C-alpha cells in the first residue's frame, strides 16, 4: 500500500477500529484525484492488543471539522439484523455504564 496513489477510485476500509494510527494515516493518504473514501468501524469492538490505540478513534478526533470529511454515527436503531440484536446492543451499552451509587444514609444521632 505504501507509495501507491489510488486515483478515480471508491475505496472502502471496513473494520477500521482494528487499525493502528499509523495504518489509518497510511490508508487515508493513498486517496488520489477523483477518489472517495469510506471508513467503517465500531469503536466498541476494538480487537487490538491492550494499550494499542485504535486508528479509527484517533482519526475521528484528528479529522473532526475538516471541510470535505464527514463523520456519521449509527445507533442501535440502525441495526438491520435479527429483531433481538437491537435489544442486545442496548443491554451491552447499559452494562458498560458505571453503576449508579445509592445515596448514603445519614447516620442517626442519639438524643440524650
PDB file of N, CA and C in Angstrom:
ATOM      1  N   UNK A   1       0.829  -1.186   0.000  1.00  0.00           N
ATOM      2  CA  UNK A   1       0.000   0.000   0.000  1.00  0.00           C
ATOM      3  C   UNK A   1       0.877   1.255   0.000  1.00  0.00           C
ATOM      4  N   UNK A   2       1.966   1.225   0.724  1.00  0.00           N
ATOM      5  CA  UNK A   2       2.843   2.395   0.795  1.00  0.00           C
ATOM      6  C   UNK A   2       3.337   2.767  -0.596  1.00  0.00           C
ATOM      7  N   UNK A   3       3.315   4.053  -0.893  1.00  0.00           N
ATOM      8  CA  UNK A   3       3.805   4.522  -2.178  1.00  0.00           C
ATOM      9  C   UNK A   3       2.769   4.530  -3.285  1.00  0.00           C
ATOM     10  N   UNK A   4       1.598   3.987  -3.033  1.00  0.00           N
ATOM     11  CA  UNK A   4       0.544   3.945  -4.058  1.00  0.00           C
ATOM     12  C   UNK A   4      -0.367   5.147  -3.923  1.00  0.00           C
ATOM     13  N   UNK A   5      -0.919   5.573  -5.046  1.00  0.00           N
ATOM     14  CA  UNK A   5      -1.959   6.596  -5.076  1.00  0.00           C
ATOM     15  C   UNK A   5      -3.138   6.001  -5.821  1.00  0.00           C
ATOM     16  N   UNK A   6      -4.303   6.077  -5.221  1.00  0.00           N
ATOM     17  CA  UNK A   6      -5.498   5.486  -5.810  1.00  0.00           C
ATOM     18  C   UNK A   6      -6.359   6.594  -6.414  1.00  0.00           C
ATOM     19  N   UNK A   7      -6.180   6.837  -7.715  1.00  0.00           N
ATOM     20  CA  UNK A   7      -6.941   7.854  -8.439  1.00  0.00           C
ATOM     21  C   UNK A   7      -8.254   7.270  -8.947  1.00  0.00           C
ATOM     22  N   UNK A   8      -9.276   8.127  -9.045  1.00  0.00           N
ATOM     23  CA  UNK A   8     -10.574   7.743  -9.618  1.00  0.00           C
ATOM     24  C   UNK A   8     -11.074   6.414  -9.060  1.00  0.00           C
ATOM     25  N   UNK A   9     -11.065   6.301  -7.744  1.00  0.00           N
ATOM     26  CA  UNK A   9     -11.452   5.044  -7.099  1.00  0.00           C
ATOM     27  C   UNK A   9     -12.446   5.318  -5.972  1.00  0.00           C
ATOM     28  N   UNK A  10     -13.247   4.306  -5.670  1.00  0.00           N
ATOM     29  CA  UNK A  10     -14.111   4.326  -4.492  1.00  0.00           C
ATOM     30  C   UNK A  10     -13.523   3.291  -3.552  1.00  0.00           C
ATOM     31  N   UNK A  11     -12.981   3.731  -2.436  1.00  0.00           N
ATOM     32  CA  UNK A  11     -12.190   2.873  -1.558  1.00  0.00           C
ATOM     33  C   UNK A  11     -12.916   2.714  -0.227  1.00  0.00           C
ATOM     34  N   UNK A  12     -13.081   1.470   0.208  1.00  0.00           N
ATOM     35  CA  UNK A  12     -13.758   1.192   1.476  1.00  0.00           C
ATOM     36  C   UNK A  12     -12.781   0.496   2.414  1.00  0.00           C
ATOM     37  N   UNK A  13     -12.657   1.031   3.618  1.00  0.00           N
ATOM     38  CA  UNK A  13     -11.899   0.377   4.686  1.00  0.00           C
ATOM     39  C   UNK A  13     -12.911  -0.064   5.730  1.00  0.00           C
ATOM     40  N   UNK A  14     -13.089  -1.366   5.872  1.00  0.00           N
ATOM     41  CA  UNK A  14     -14.044  -1.924   6.826  1.00  0.00           C
ATOM     42  C   UNK A  14     -13.291  -2.403   8.061  1.00  0.00           C
ATOM     43  N   UNK A  15     -13.972  -2.457   9.192  1.00  0.00           N
ATOM     44  CA  UNK A  15     -13.389  -2.883  10.471  1.00  0.00           C
ATOM     45  C   UNK A  15     -12.205  -1.994  10.860  1.00  0.00           C
ATOM     46  N   UNK A  16     -12.329  -0.705  10.584  1.00  0.00           N
ATOM     47  CA  UNK A  16     -11.230   0.240  10.804  1.00  0.00           C
ATOM     48  C   UNK A  16     -10.871   0.419  12.271  1.00  0.00           C
ATOM     49  N   UNK A  17     -11.732  -0.011  13.171  1.00  0.00           N
ATOM     50  CA  UNK A  17     -11.402   0.083  14.592  1.00  0.00           C
ATOM     51  C   UNK A  17     -10.170  -0.749  14.930  1.00  0.00           C
ATOM     52  N   UNK A  18      -9.825  -1.693  14.068  1.00  0.00           N
ATOM     53  CA  UNK A  18      -8.675  -2.562  14.321  1.00  0.00           C
ATOM     54  C   UNK A  18      -7.412  -2.124  13.589  1.00  0.00           C
ATOM     55  N   UNK A  19      -7.402  -0.895  13.095  1.00  0.00           N
ATOM     56  CA  UNK A  19      -6.171  -0.347  12.526  1.00  0.00           C
ATOM     57  C   UNK A  19      -5.426   0.406  13.614  1.00  0.00           C
ATOM     58  N   UNK A  20      -4.121   0.504  13.449  1.00  0.00           N
ATOM     59  CA  UNK A  20      -3.334   1.367  14.327  1.00  0.00           C
ATOM     60  C   UNK A  20      -3.379   2.779  13.753  1.00  0.00           C
ATOM     61  N   UNK A  21      -3.019   3.783  14.520  1.00  0.00           N
ATOM     62  CA  UNK A  21      -2.977   5.140  13.964  1.00  0.00           C
ATOM     63  C   UNK A  21      -2.073   5.238  12.731  1.00  0.00           C
ATOM     64  N   UNK A  22      -0.965   4.534  12.728  1.00  0.00           N
ATOM     65  CA  UNK A  22      -0.048   4.565  11.586  1.00  0.00           C
ATOM     66  C   UNK A  22      -0.682   3.946  10.345  1.00  0.00           C
ATOM     67  N   UNK A  23      -1.381   2.826  10.526  1.00  0.00           N
ATOM     68  CA  UNK A  23      -2.055   2.184   9.398  1.00  0.00           C
ATOM     69  C   UNK A  23      -3.170   3.069   8.847  1.00  0.00           C
ATOM     70  N   UNK A  24      -3.922   3.716   9.734  1.00  0.00           N
ATOM     71  CA  UNK A  24      -5.006   4.589   9.291  1.00  0.00           C
ATOM     72  C   UNK A  24      -4.450   5.756   8.483  1.00  0.00           C
ATOM     73  N   UNK A  25      -3.398   6.384   8.974  1.00  0.00           N
ATOM     74  CA  UNK A  25      -2.801   7.506   8.242  1.00  0.00           C
ATOM     75  C   UNK A  25      -2.312   7.045   6.873  1.00  0.00           C
ATOM     76  N   UNK A  26      -1.644   5.885   6.826  1.00  0.00           N
ATOM     77  CA  UNK A  26      -1.152   5.370   5.553  1.00  0.00           C
ATOM     78  C   UNK A  26      -2.320   5.151   4.584  1.00  0.00           C
ATOM     79  N   UNK A  27      -3.405   4.554   5.070  1.00  0.00           N
ATOM     80  CA  UNK A  27      -4.566   4.305   4.217  1.00  0.00           C
ATOM     81  C   UNK A  27      -5.165   5.607   3.701  1.00  0.00           C
ATOM     82  N   UNK A  28      -5.424   6.539   4.603  1.00  0.00           N
ATOM     83  CA  UNK A  28      -6.097   7.782   4.216  1.00  0.00           C
ATOM     84  C   UNK A  28      -5.270   8.622   3.251  1.00  0.00           C
ATOM     85  N   UNK A  29      -3.967   8.529   3.335  1.00  0.00           N
ATOM     86  CA  UNK A  29      -3.112   9.348   2.465  1.00  0.00           C
ATOM     87  C   UNK A  29      -2.866   8.701   1.103  1.00  0.00           C
ATOM     88  N   UNK A  30      -3.524   7.590   0.800  1.00  0.00           N
ATOM     89  CA  UNK A  30      -3.437   6.960  -0.533  1.00  0.00           C
ATOM     90  C   UNK A  30      -4.474   7.547  -1.480  1.00  0.00           C
ATOM     91  N   UNK A  31      -5.420   8.314  -0.966  1.00  0.00           N
ATOM     92  CA  UNK A  31      -6.512   8.851  -1.783  1.00  0.00           C
ATOM     93  C   UNK A  31      -5.961   9.798  -2.842  1.00  0.00           C
ATOM     94  N   UNK A  32      -6.312   9.505  -4.086  1.00  0.00           N
ATOM     95  CA  UNK A  32      -5.858  10.331  -5.200  1.00  0.00           C
ATOM     96  C   UNK A  32      -6.976  11.184  -5.765  1.00  0.00           C
ATOM     97  N   UNK A  33      -6.678  11.858  -6.847  1.00  0.00           N
ATOM     98  CA  UNK A  33      -7.624  12.742  -7.520  1.00  0.00           C
ATOM     99  C   UNK A  33      -8.832  11.942  -7.998  1.00  0.00           C
ATOM    100  N   UNK A  34     -10.028  12.470  -7.740  1.00  0.00           N
ATOM    101  CA  UNK A  34     -11.253  11.833  -8.196  1.00  0.00           C
ATOM    102  C   UNK A  34     -11.687  10.651  -7.354  1.00  0.00           C
ATOM    103  N   UNK A  35     -11.052  10.442  -6.217  1.00  0.00           N
ATOM    104  CA  UNK A  35     -11.388   9.295  -5.368  1.00  0.00           C
ATOM    105  C   UNK A  35     -12.284   9.695  -4.210  1.00  0.00           C
ATOM    106  N   UNK A  36     -12.994   8.709  -3.702  1.00  0.00           N
ATOM    107  CA  UNK A  36     -13.794   8.860  -2.492  1.00  0.00           C
ATOM    108  C   UNK A  36     -13.410   7.718  -1.566  1.00  0.00           C
ATOM    109  N   UNK A  37     -13.386   8.013  -0.271  1.00  0.00           N
ATOM    110  CA  UNK A  37     -13.018   7.011   0.728  1.00  0.00           C
ATOM    111  C   UNK A  37     -14.145   6.896   1.746  1.00  0.00           C
ATOM    112  N   UNK A  38     -14.492   5.662   2.090  1.00  0.00           N
ATOM    113  CA  UNK A  38     -15.442   5.381   3.159  1.00  0.00           C
ATOM    114  C   UNK A  38     -14.720   4.498   4.166  1.00  0.00           C
ATOM    115  N   UNK A  39     -14.756   4.919   5.420  1.00  0.00           N
ATOM    116  CA  UNK A  39     -14.134   4.155   6.501  1.00  0.00           C
ATOM    117  C   UNK A  39     -15.247   3.745   7.453  1.00  0.00           C
ATOM    118  N   UNK A  40     -15.348   2.447   7.738  1.00  0.00           N
ATOM    119  CA  UNK A  40     -16.377   1.968   8.660  1.00  0.00           C
ATOM    120  C   UNK A  40     -15.722   1.245   9.819  1.00  0.00           C
ATOM    121  N   UNK A  41     -16.396   1.269  10.945  1.00  0.00           N
ATOM    122  CA  UNK A  41     -15.884   0.553  12.103  1.00  0.00           C
ATOM    123  C   UNK A  41     -16.769   0.797  13.304  1.00  0.00           C
ATOM    124  N   UNK A  42     -16.535   0.021  14.326  1.00  0.00           N
ATOM    125  CA  UNK A  42     -17.294   0.122  15.570  1.00  0.00           C
ATOM    126  C   UNK A  42     -16.297   0.278  16.706  1.00  0.00           C
ATOM    127  N   UNK A  43     -16.246   1.463  17.292  1.00  0.00           N
ATOM    128  CA  UNK A  43     -15.249   1.727  18.333  1.00  0.00           C
ATOM    129  C   UNK A  43     -15.502   0.931  19.605  1.00  0.00           C
ATOM    130  N   UNK A  44     -16.639   0.238  19.686  1.00  0.00           N
ATOM    131  CA  UNK A  44     -16.888  -0.622  20.848  1.00  0.00           C
ATOM    132  C   UNK A  44     -16.399  -2.049  20.599  1.00  0.00           C
ATOM    133  N   UNK A  45     -15.823  -2.311  19.424  1.00  0.00           N
ATOM    134  CA  UNK A  45     -15.374  -3.665  19.090  1.00  0.00           C
ATOM    135  C   UNK A  45     -13.908  -3.696  18.669  1.00  0.00           C
ATOM    136  N   UNK A  46     -13.068  -2.977  19.382  1.00  0.00           N
ATOM    137  CA  UNK A  46     -11.638  -2.940  19.065  1.00  0.00           C
ATOM    138  C   UNK A  46     -10.996  -4.246  19.523  1.00  0.00           C
ATOM    139  N   UNK A  47     -10.285  -4.904  18.606  1.00  0.00           N
ATOM    140  CA  UNK A  47      -9.618  -6.174  18.904  1.00  0.00           C
ATOM    141  C   UNK A  47      -8.099  -6.033  18.920  1.00  0.00           C
ATOM    142  N   UNK A  48      -7.599  -4.828  19.071  1.00  0.00           N
ATOM    143  CA  UNK A  48      -6.154  -4.603  19.099  1.00  0.00           C
ATOM    144  C   UNK A  48      -5.591  -5.038  20.448  1.00  0.00           C
ATOM    145  N   UNK A  49      -4.277  -5.303  20.489  1.00  0.00           N
ATOM    146  CA  UNK A  49      -3.675  -5.645  21.780  1.00  0.00           C
ATOM    147  C   UNK A  49      -3.892  -4.518  22.799  1.00  0.00           C
ATOM    148  N   UNK A  50      -3.938  -4.896  24.060  1.00  0.00           N
ATOM    149  CA  UNK A  50      -4.134  -3.918  25.128  1.00  0.00           C
ATOM    150  C   UNK A  50      -3.109  -2.792  25.018  1.00  0.00           C
ATOM    151  N   UNK A  51      -3.534  -1.595  25.290  1.00  0.00           N
ATOM    152  CA  UNK A  51      -2.710  -0.374  25.248  1.00  0.00           C
ATOM    153  C   UNK A  51      -2.337   0.065  23.834  1.00  0.00           C
ATOM    154  N   UNK A  52      -2.909  -0.574  22.802  1.00  0.00           N
ATOM    155  CA  UNK A  52      -2.693  -0.131  21.421  1.00  0.00           C
ATOM    156  C   UNK A  52      -3.872   0.750  21.037  1.00  0.00           C
ATOM    157  N   UNK A  53      -3.581   1.967  20.617  1.00  0.00           N
ATOM    158  CA  UNK A  53      -4.638   2.902  20.234  1.00  0.00           C
ATOM    159  C   UNK A  53      -5.262   2.488  18.909  1.00  0.00           C
ATOM    160  N   UNK A  54      -6.548   2.743  18.781  1.00  0.00           N
ATOM    161  CA  UNK A  54      -7.263   2.465  17.535  1.00  0.00           C
ATOM    162  C   UNK A  54      -7.063   3.622  16.568  1.00  0.00           C
ATOM    163  N   UNK A  55      -6.698   3.295  15.333  1.00  0.00           N
ATOM    164  CA  UNK A  55      -6.559   4.314  14.309  1.00  0.00           C
ATOM    165  C   UNK A  55      -7.873   4.998  13.992  1.00  0.00           C
ATOM    166  N   UNK A  56      -8.977   4.280  14.132  1.00  0.00           N
ATOM    167  CA  UNK A  56     -10.285   4.887  13.887  1.00  0.00           C
ATOM    168  C   UNK A  56     -10.597   5.926  14.955  1.00  0.00           C
ATOM    169  N   UNK A  57     -10.379   5.578  16.204  1.00  0.00           N
ATOM    170  CA  UNK A  57     -10.636   6.520  17.298  1.00  0.00           C
ATOM    171  C   UNK A  57      -9.774   7.767  17.116  1.00  0.00           C
ATOM    172  N   UNK A  58      -8.495   7.575  16.803  1.00  0.00           N
ATOM    173  CA  UNK A  58      -7.600   8.711  16.564  1.00  0.00           C
ATOM    174  C   UNK A  58      -8.102   9.574  15.411  1.00  0.00           C
ATOM    175  N   UNK A  59      -8.458   8.932  14.304  1.00  0.00           N
ATOM    176  CA  UNK A  59      -8.889   9.677  13.116  1.00  0.00           C
ATOM    177  C   UNK A  59     -10.153  10.488  13.396  1.00  0.00           C
ATOM    178  N   UNK A  60     -11.064   9.937  14.176  1.00  0.00           N
ATOM    179  CA  UNK A  60     -12.291  10.671  14.495  1.00  0.00           C
ATOM    180  C   UNK A  60     -11.973  11.988  15.191  1.00  0.00           C
ATOM    181  N   UNK A  61     -10.973  11.981  16.059  1.00  0.00           N
ATOM    182  CA  UNK A  61     -10.582  13.206  16.767  1.00  0.00           C
ATOM    183  C   UNK A  61      -9.750  14.123  15.875  1.00  0.00           C
ATOM    184  N   UNK A  62      -8.766  13.563  15.213  1.00  0.00           N
ATOM    185  CA  UNK A  62      -7.820  14.354  14.417  1.00  0.00           C
ATOM    186  C   UNK A  62      -8.500  15.038  13.236  1.00  0.00           C
ATOM    187  N   UNK A  63      -9.427  14.347  12.584  1.00  0.00           N
ATOM    188  CA  UNK A  63     -10.019  14.852  11.343  1.00  0.00           C
ATOM    189  C   UNK A  63     -11.324  15.616  11.542  1.00  0.00           C
ATOM    190  N   UNK A  64     -11.783  15.709  12.785  1.00  0.00           N
ATOM    191  CA  UNK A  64     -13.045  16.408  13.061  1.00  0.00           C
ATOM    192  C   UNK A  64     -12.937  17.866  12.617  1.00  0.00           C
ATOM    193  N   UNK A  65     -13.951  18.323  11.901  1.00  0.00           N
ATOM    194  CA  UNK A  65     -14.007  19.720  11.489  1.00  0.00           C
ATOM    195  C   UNK A  65     -13.310  20.041  10.182  1.00  0.00           C
ATOM    196  N   UNK A  66     -12.702  19.047   9.533  1.00  0.00           N
ATOM    197  CA  UNK A  66     -12.047  19.300   8.248  1.00  0.00           C
ATOM    198  C   UNK A  66     -13.108  19.309   7.152  1.00  0.00           C
ATOM    199  N   UNK A  67     -13.134  20.391   6.377  1.00  0.00           N
ATOM    200  CA  UNK A  67     -14.097  20.525   5.290  1.00  0.00           C
ATOM    201  C   UNK A  67     -13.878  19.405   4.272  1.00  0.00           C
ATOM    202  N   UNK A  68     -14.948  18.715   3.898  1.00  0.00           N
ATOM    203  CA  UNK A  68     -14.847  17.621   2.939  1.00  0.00           C
ATOM    204  C   UNK A  68     -14.796  16.253   3.597  1.00  0.00           C
ATOM    205  N   UNK A  69     -14.702  16.241   4.937  1.00  0.00           N
ATOM    206  CA  UNK A  69     -14.708  14.972   5.680  1.00  0.00           C
ATOM    207  C   UNK A  69     -15.940  14.962   6.575  1.00  0.00           C
ATOM    208  N   UNK A  70     -16.741  13.915   6.450  1.00  0.00           N
ATOM    209  CA  UNK A  70     -17.949  13.781   7.273  1.00  0.00           C
ATOM    210  C   UNK A  70     -17.811  12.574   8.186  1.00  0.00           C
ATOM    211  N   UNK A  71     -18.391  12.680   9.354  1.00  0.00           N
ATOM    212  CA  UNK A  71     -18.444  11.564  10.292  1.00  0.00           C
ATOM    213  C   UNK A  71     -19.911  11.253  10.556  1.00  0.00           C
ATOM    214  N   UNK A  72     -20.287  10.004  10.346  1.00  0.00           N
ATOM    215  CA  UNK A  72     -21.665   9.568  10.539  1.00  0.00           C
ATOM    216  C   UNK A  72     -21.668   8.524  11.639  1.00  0.00           C
ATOM    217  N   UNK A  73     -22.513   8.716  12.627  1.00  0.00           N
ATOM    218  CA  UNK A  73     -22.602   7.778  13.743  1.00  0.00           C
ATOM    219  C   UNK A  73     -23.939   7.046  13.669  1.00  0.00           C
ATOM    220  N   UNK A  74     -23.894   5.735  13.803  1.00  0.00           N
ATOM    221  CA  UNK A  74     -25.102   4.919  13.785  1.00  0.00           C
ATOM    222  C   UNK A  74     -25.393   4.443  15.204  1.00  0.00           C
ATOM    223  N   UNK A  75     -26.659   4.160  15.483  1.00  0.00           N
ATOM    224  CA  UNK A  75     -27.065   3.684  16.803  1.00  0.00           C
ATOM    225  C   UNK A  75     -27.741   2.326  16.659  1.00  0.00           C
ATOM    226  N   UNK A  76     -28.248   1.822  17.784  1.00  0.00           N
ATOM    227  CA  UNK A  76     -28.940   0.531  17.733  1.00  0.00           C
ATOM    228  C   UNK A  76     -30.162   0.592  16.828  1.00  0.00           C
ATOM    229  N   UNK A  77     -30.701   1.777  16.593  1.00  0.00           N
ATOM    230  CA  UNK A  77     -31.862   1.917  15.701  1.00  0.00           C
ATOM    231  C   UNK A  77     -31.502   1.600  14.254  1.00  0.00           C
ATOM    232  N   UNK A  78     -30.216   1.634  13.940  1.00  0.00           N
ATOM    233  CA  UNK A  78     -29.766   1.365  12.575  1.00  0.00           C
ATOM    234  C   UNK A  78     -29.453  -0.113  12.337  1.00  0.00           C
ATOM    235  N   UNK A  79     -29.556  -0.938  13.368  1.00  0.00           N
ATOM    236  CA  UNK A  79     -29.259  -2.363  13.238  1.00  0.00           C
ATOM    237  C   UNK A  79     -30.316  -3.012  12.353  1.00  0.00           C
ATOM    238  N   UNK A  80     -29.883  -3.743  11.344  1.00  0.00           N
ATOM    239  CA  UNK A  80     -30.821  -4.403  10.433  1.00  0.00           C
ATOM    240  C   UNK A  80     -30.618  -5.918  10.458  1.00  0.00           C
ATOM    241  N   UNK A  81     -30.336  -6.423  11.611  1.00  0.00           N
ATOM    242  CA  UNK A  81     -30.207  -7.871  11.791  1.00  0.00           C
ATOM    243  C   UNK A  81     -31.471  -8.370  12.477  1.00  0.00           C
ATOM    244  N   UNK A  82     -31.362  -9.472  13.153  1.00  0.00           N
ATOM    245  CA  UNK A  82     -32.491 -10.041  13.886  1.00  0.00           C
ATOM    246  C   UNK A  82     -33.053  -8.997  14.846  1.00  0.00           C
ATOM    247  N   UNK A  83     -34.372  -9.016  15.074  1.00  0.00           N
ATOM    248  CA  UNK A  83     -35.021  -8.012  15.915  1.00  0.00           C
ATOM    249  C   UNK A  83     -34.433  -7.952  17.323  1.00  0.00           C
ATOM    250  N   UNK A  84     -33.866  -9.038  17.818  1.00  0.00           N
ATOM    251  CA  UNK A  84     -33.291  -9.052  19.162  1.00  0.00           C
ATOM    252  C   UNK A  84     -31.941  -8.341  19.236  1.00  0.00           C
ATOM    253  N   UNK A  85     -31.279  -8.155  18.105  1.00  0.00           N
ATOM    254  CA  UNK A  85     -29.946  -7.553  18.117  1.00  0.00           C
ATOM    255  C   UNK A  85     -29.990  -6.140  18.692  1.00  0.00           C
ATOM    256  N   UNK A  86     -31.013  -5.349  18.374  1.00  0.00           N
ATOM    257  CA  UNK A  86     -31.128  -4.004  18.949  1.00  0.00           C
ATOM    258  C   UNK A  86     -31.177  -4.068  20.468  1.00  0.00           C
ATOM    259  N   UNK A  87     -31.941  -5.005  20.990  1.00  0.00           N
ATOM    260  CA  UNK A  87     -32.052  -5.145  22.441  1.00  0.00           C
ATOM    261  C   UNK A  87     -30.734  -5.620  23.049  1.00  0.00           C
ATOM    262  N   UNK A  88     -30.033  -6.492  22.341  1.00  0.00           N
ATOM    263  CA  UNK A  88     -28.731  -6.966  22.817  1.00  0.00           C
ATOM    264  C   UNK A  88     -27.742  -5.810  22.873  1.00  0.00           C
ATOM    265  N   UNK A  89     -27.716  -4.986  21.825  1.00  0.00           N
ATOM    266  CA  UNK A  89     -26.812  -3.830  21.790  1.00  0.00           C
ATOM    267  C   UNK A  89     -27.118  -2.892  22.955  1.00  0.00           C
ATOM    268  N   UNK A  90     -28.399  -2.606  23.193  1.00  0.00           N
ATOM    269  CA  UNK A  90     -28.787  -1.734  24.309  1.00  0.00           C
ATOM    270  C   UNK A  90     -28.341  -2.324  25.645  1.00  0.00           C
ATOM    271  N   UNK A  91     -28.524  -3.632  25.818  1.00  0.00           N
ATOM    272  CA  UNK A  91     -28.152  -4.279  27.077  1.00  0.00           C
ATOM    273  C   UNK A  91     -26.654  -4.152  27.335  1.00  0.00           C
ATOM    274  N   UNK A  92     -25.843  -4.340  26.302  1.00  0.00           N
ATOM    275  CA  UNK A  92     -24.396  -4.199  26.469  1.00  0.00           C
ATOM    276  C   UNK A  92     -24.009  -2.749  26.751  1.00  0.00           C
ATOM    277  N   UNK A  93     -24.695  -1.803  26.136  1.00  0.00           N
ATOM    278  CA  UNK A  93     -24.415  -0.389  26.410  1.00  0.00           C
ATOM    279  C   UNK A  93     -24.743  -0.053  27.859  1.00  0.00           C
ATOM    280  N   UNK A  94     -25.866  -0.576  28.364  1.00  0.00           N
ATOM    281  CA  UNK A  94     -26.222  -0.346  29.774  1.00  0.00           C
ATOM    282  C   UNK A  94     -25.189  -0.977  30.696  1.00  0.00           C
ATOM    283  N   UNK A  95     -24.745  -2.170  30.355  1.00  0.00           N
ATOM    284  CA  UNK A  95     -23.770  -2.870  31.195  1.00  0.00           C
ATOM    285  C   UNK A  95     -22.428  -2.146  31.229  1.00  0.00           C
ATOM    286  N   UNK A  96     -22.113  -1.410  30.177  1.00  0.00           N
ATOM    287  CA  UNK A  96     -20.838  -0.694  30.116  1.00  0.00           C
ATOM    288  C   UNK A  96     -20.854   0.593  30.935  1.00  0.00           C
ATOM    289  N   UNK A  97     -22.042   1.057  31.308  1.00  0.00           N
ATOM    290  CA  UNK A  97     -22.152   2.279  32.104  1.00  0.00           C
ATOM    291  C   UNK A  97     -21.721   1.986  33.536  1.00  0.00           C
ATOM    292  N   UNK A  98     -21.041   2.950  34.167  1.00  0.00           N
ATOM    293  CA  UNK A  98     -20.675   2.729  35.571  1.00  0.00           C
ATOM    294  C   UNK A  98     -21.935   2.609  36.420  1.00  0.00           C
ATOM    295  N   UNK A  99     -21.903   1.727  37.412  1.00  0.00           N
ATOM    296  CA  UNK A  99     -23.104   1.549  38.235  1.00  0.00           C
ATOM    297  C   UNK A  99     -23.417   2.832  39.004  1.00  0.00           C
ATOM    298  N   UNK A 100     -24.700   3.105  39.153  1.00  0.00           N
ATOM    299  CA  UNK A 100     -25.125   4.271  39.928  1.00  0.00           C
ATOM    300  C   UNK A 100     -25.052   3.911  41.400  1.00  0.00           C
ATOM    301  N   UNK A 101     -24.461   4.802  42.159  1.00  0.00           N
ATOM    302  CA  UNK A 101     -24.330   4.556  43.596  1.00  0.00           C
ATOM    303  C   UNK A 101     -25.597   5.005  44.307  1.00  0.00           C
ATOM    304  N   UNK A 102     -26.028   4.185  45.237  1.00  0.00           N
ATOM    305  CA  UNK A 102     -27.201   4.527  46.035  1.00  0.00           C
ATOM    306  C   UNK A 102     -26.820   5.645  46.997  1.00  0.00           C
ATOM    307  N   UNK A 103     -27.740   6.555  47.276  1.00  0.00           N
ATOM    308  CA  UNK A 103     -27.422   7.619  48.230  1.00  0.00           C
ATOM    309  C   UNK A 103     -27.114   7.022  49.592  1.00  0.00           C
ATOM    310  N   UNK A 104     -26.132   7.606  50.240  1.00  0.00           N
ATOM    311  CA  UNK A 104     -25.723   7.109  51.556  1.00  0.00           C
ATOM    312  C   UNK A 104     -26.694   7.635  52.608  1.00  0.00           C
ATOM    313  N   UNK A 105     -27.089   6.767  53.514  1.00  0.00           N
ATOM    314  CA  UNK A 105     -27.976   7.174  54.604  1.00  0.00           C
ATOM    315  C   UNK A 105     -27.183   8.007  55.597  1.00  0.00           C
ATOM    316  N   UNK A 106     -27.842   9.033  56.135  1.00  0.00           N
ATOM    317  CA  UNK A 106     -27.185   9.861  57.144  1.00  0.00           C
ATOM    318  C   UNK A 106     -27.181   9.096  58.457  1.00  0.00           C
ATOM    319  N   UNK A 107     -26.060   9.145  59.164  1.00  0.00           N
ATOM    320  CA  UNK A 107     -26.031   8.436  60.454  1.00  0.00           C
ATOM    321  C   UNK A 107     -27.009   9.091  61.430  1.00  0.00           C
ATOM    322  N   UNK A 108     -27.683   8.248  62.173  1.00  0.00           N
ATOM    323  CA  UNK A 108     -28.639   8.759  63.156  1.00  0.00           C
ATOM    324  C   UNK A 108     -27.880   9.256  64.370  1.00  0.00           C
ATOM    325  N   UNK A 109     -28.368  10.328  64.943  1.00  0.00           N
ATOM    326  CA  UNK A 109     -27.742  10.845  66.161  1.00  0.00           C
ATOM    327  C   UNK A 109     -28.613  10.448  67.341  1.00  0.00           C
ATOM    328  N   UNK A 110     -27.961  10.067  68.385  1.00  0.00           N
ATOM    329  CA  UNK A 110     -28.688   9.654  69.589  1.00  0.00           C
ATOM    330  C   UNK A 110     -29.129  10.891  70.360  1.00  0.00           C
ATOM    331  N   UNK A 111     -30.371  10.892  70.791  1.00  0.00           N
ATOM    332  CA  UNK A 111     -30.868  12.001  71.617  1.00  0.00           C
ATOM    333  C   UNK A 111     -30.506  11.722  73.062  1.00  0.00           C
ATOM    334  N   UNK A 112     -29.926  12.679  73.700  1.00  0.00           N
ATOM    335  CA  UNK A 112     -29.505  12.483  75.088  1.00  0.00           C
ATOM    336  C   UNK A 112     -30.573  12.849  76.056  1.00  0.00           C
TER     337      UNK A 112
END
